[in-house]
PDB file of N, CA and C in Angstrom:
ATOM      1  N   UNK A   1     122.102  82.503  95.944  1.00  0.00           N
ATOM      2  CA  UNK A   1     121.341  81.735  94.959  1.00  0.00           C
ATOM      3  C   UNK A   1     122.223  80.653  94.331  1.00  0.00           C
ATOM      4  N   UNK A   2     123.352  80.378  94.957  1.00  0.00           N
ATOM      5  CA  UNK A   2     124.232  79.340  94.429  1.00  0.00           C
ATOM      6  C   UNK A   2     123.768  77.959  94.870  1.00  0.00           C
ATOM      7  N   UNK A   3     123.066  77.892  95.974  1.00  0.00           N
ATOM      8  CA  UNK A   3     122.596  76.597  96.470  1.00  0.00           C
ATOM      9  C   UNK A   3     121.338  76.173  95.718  1.00  0.00           C
ATOM     10  N   UNK A   4     121.230  74.888  95.444  1.00  0.00           N
ATOM     11  CA  UNK A   4     120.073  74.384  94.698  1.00  0.00           C
ATOM     12  C   UNK A   4     119.050  73.776  95.640  1.00  0.00           C
ATOM     13  N   UNK A   5     119.416  73.614  96.912  1.00  0.00           N
ATOM     14  CA  UNK A   5     118.488  73.027  97.873  1.00  0.00           C
ATOM     15  C   UNK A   5     117.497  74.083  98.338  1.00  0.00           C
ATOM     16  N   UNK A   6     116.201  73.810  98.229  1.00  0.00           N
ATOM     17  CA  UNK A   6     115.183  74.775  98.656  1.00  0.00           C
ATOM     18  C   UNK A   6     115.188  74.941 100.169  1.00  0.00           C
ATOM     19  N   UNK A   7     115.174  76.162 100.615  1.00  0.00           N
ATOM     20  CA  UNK A   7     115.153  76.443 102.050  1.00  0.00           C
ATOM     21  C   UNK A   7     114.136  77.554 102.317  1.00  0.00           C
ATOM     22  N   UNK A   8     113.632  77.639 103.542  1.00  0.00           N
ATOM     23  CA  UNK A   8     112.659  78.700 103.874  1.00  0.00           C
ATOM     24  C   UNK A   8     113.193  80.086 103.522  1.00  0.00           C
ATOM     25  N   UNK A   9     114.477  80.302 103.754  1.00  0.00           N
ATOM     26  CA  UNK A   9     115.055  81.610 103.451  1.00  0.00           C
ATOM     27  C   UNK A   9     115.027  81.861 101.951  1.00  0.00           C
ATOM     28  N   UNK A  10     115.350  80.826 101.171  1.00  0.00           N
ATOM     29  CA  UNK A  10     115.352  80.989  99.712  1.00  0.00           C
ATOM     30  C   UNK A  10     113.934  81.236  99.215  1.00  0.00           C
ATOM     31  N   UNK A  11     112.969  80.501  99.762  1.00  0.00           N
ATOM     32  CA  UNK A  11     111.575  80.680  99.357  1.00  0.00           C
ATOM     33  C   UNK A  11     111.130  82.101  99.700  1.00  0.00           C
ATOM     34  N   UNK A  12     111.556  82.600 100.862  1.00  0.00           N
ATOM     35  CA  UNK A  12     111.197  83.957 101.260  1.00  0.00           C
ATOM     36  C   UNK A  12     111.823  84.967 100.312  1.00  0.00           C
ATOM     37  N   UNK A  13     113.068  84.721  99.919  1.00  0.00           N
ATOM     38  CA  UNK A  13     113.745  85.636  98.999  1.00  0.00           C
ATOM     39  C   UNK A  13     113.026  85.676  97.660  1.00  0.00           C
ATOM     40  N   UNK A  14     112.593  84.513  97.178  1.00  0.00           N
ATOM     41  CA  UNK A  14     111.904  84.474  95.892  1.00  0.00           C
ATOM     42  C   UNK A  14     110.574  85.215  95.983  1.00  0.00           C
ATOM     43  N   UNK A  15     109.845  85.004  97.094  1.00  0.00           N
ATOM     44  CA  UNK A  15     108.567  85.691  97.266  1.00  0.00           C
ATOM     45  C   UNK A  15     108.793  87.194  97.386  1.00  0.00           C
ATOM     46  N   UNK A  16     109.810  87.582  98.143  1.00  0.00           N
ATOM     47  CA  UNK A  16     110.115  88.998  98.309  1.00  0.00           C
ATOM     48  C   UNK A  16     110.504  89.608  96.966  1.00  0.00           C
ATOM     49  N   UNK A  17     111.198  88.832  96.153  1.00  0.00           N
ATOM     50  CA  UNK A  17     111.586  89.319  94.832  1.00  0.00           C
ATOM     51  C   UNK A  17     110.368  89.553  93.961  1.00  0.00           C
ATOM     52  N   UNK A  18     109.400  88.632  94.047  1.00  0.00           N
ATOM     53  CA  UNK A  18     108.182  88.793  93.248  1.00  0.00           C
ATOM     54  C   UNK A  18     107.406  90.026  93.701  1.00  0.00           C
ATOM     55  N   UNK A  19     107.335  90.233  95.013  1.00  0.00           N
ATOM     56  CA  UNK A  19     106.623  91.398  95.540  1.00  0.00           C
ATOM     57  C   UNK A  19     107.339  92.676  95.103  1.00  0.00           C
ATOM     58  N   UNK A  20     108.668  92.666  95.161  1.00  0.00           N
ATOM     59  CA  UNK A  20     109.442  93.841  94.763  1.00  0.00           C
ATOM     60  C   UNK A  20     109.217  94.145  93.289  1.00  0.00           C
ATOM     61  N   UNK A  21     109.183  93.098  92.474  1.00  0.00           N
ATOM     62  CA  UNK A  21     108.955  93.291  91.040  1.00  0.00           C
ATOM     63  C   UNK A  21     107.567  93.868  90.800  1.00  0.00           C
ATOM     64  N   UNK A  22     106.574  93.368  91.532  1.00  0.00           N
ATOM     65  CA  UNK A  22     105.211  93.861  91.364  1.00  0.00           C
ATOM     66  C   UNK A  22     105.134  95.334  91.769  1.00  0.00           C
ATOM     67  N   UNK A  23     105.786  95.678  92.871  1.00  0.00           N
ATOM     68  CA  UNK A  23     105.777  97.072  93.319  1.00  0.00           C
ATOM     69  C   UNK A  23     106.487  97.961  92.306  1.00  0.00           C
ATOM     70  N   UNK A  24     107.606  97.473  91.766  1.00  0.00           N
ATOM     71  CA  UNK A  24     108.357  98.266  90.791  1.00  0.00           C
ATOM     72  C   UNK A  24     107.527  98.479  89.529  1.00  0.00           C
ATOM     73  N   UNK A  25     106.827  97.427  89.094  1.00  0.00           N
ATOM     74  CA  UNK A  25     105.983  97.555  87.904  1.00  0.00           C
ATOM     75  C   UNK A  25     104.833  98.516  88.170  1.00  0.00           C
ATOM     76  N   UNK A  26     104.236  98.432  89.360  1.00  0.00           N
ATOM     77  CA  UNK A  26     103.125  99.318  89.704  1.00  0.00           C
ATOM     78  C   UNK A  26     103.621 100.764  89.759  1.00  0.00           C
ATOM     79  N   UNK A  27     104.809 100.962  90.301  1.00  0.00           N
ATOM     80  CA  UNK A  27     105.362 102.315  90.388  1.00  0.00           C
ATOM     81  C   UNK A  27     105.631 102.858  88.989  1.00  0.00           C
ATOM     82  N   UNK A  28     106.172 102.016  88.121  1.00  0.00           N
ATOM     83  CA  UNK A  28     106.460 102.464  86.759  1.00  0.00           C
ATOM     84  C   UNK A  28     105.160 102.826  86.041  1.00  0.00           C
ATOM     85  N   UNK A  29     104.123 102.010  86.248  1.00  0.00           N
ATOM     86  CA  UNK A  29     102.835 102.266  85.611  1.00  0.00           C
ATOM     87  C   UNK A  29     102.254 103.577  86.144  1.00  0.00           C
ATOM     88  N   UNK A  30     102.401 103.813  87.451  1.00  0.00           N
ATOM     89  CA  UNK A  30     101.896 105.044  88.051  1.00  0.00           C
ATOM     90  C   UNK A  30     102.631 106.257  87.484  1.00  0.00           C
ATOM     91  N   UNK A  31     103.940 106.131  87.345  1.00  0.00           N
ATOM     92  CA  UNK A  31     104.732 107.244  86.814  1.00  0.00           C
ATOM     93  C   UNK A  31     104.342 107.518  85.364  1.00  0.00           C
ATOM     94  N   UNK A  32     104.104 106.461  84.592  1.00  0.00           N
ATOM     95  CA  UNK A  32     103.726 106.649  83.191  1.00  0.00           C
ATOM     96  C   UNK A  32     102.345 107.297  83.091  1.00  0.00           C
ATOM     97  N   UNK A  33     101.438 106.909  83.991  1.00  0.00           N
ATOM     98  CA  UNK A  33     100.092 107.481  83.956  1.00  0.00           C
ATOM     99  C   UNK A  33     100.130 108.957  84.326  1.00  0.00           C
ATOM    100  N   UNK A  34     100.964 109.313  85.273  1.00  0.00           N
ATOM    101  CA  UNK A  34     101.052 110.702  85.717  1.00  0.00           C
ATOM    102  C   UNK A  34     102.046 111.445  84.826  1.00  0.00           C
TER     103      UNK A  34
END
């Protein structure tokens, strides 16, 4: 993440990060509900 130039790999990493965050939040919500 040191490079400032947008690249397909960086865009994929950002999208993967968002998906991971969503999954982590969903898992936390599931654990709290149960």
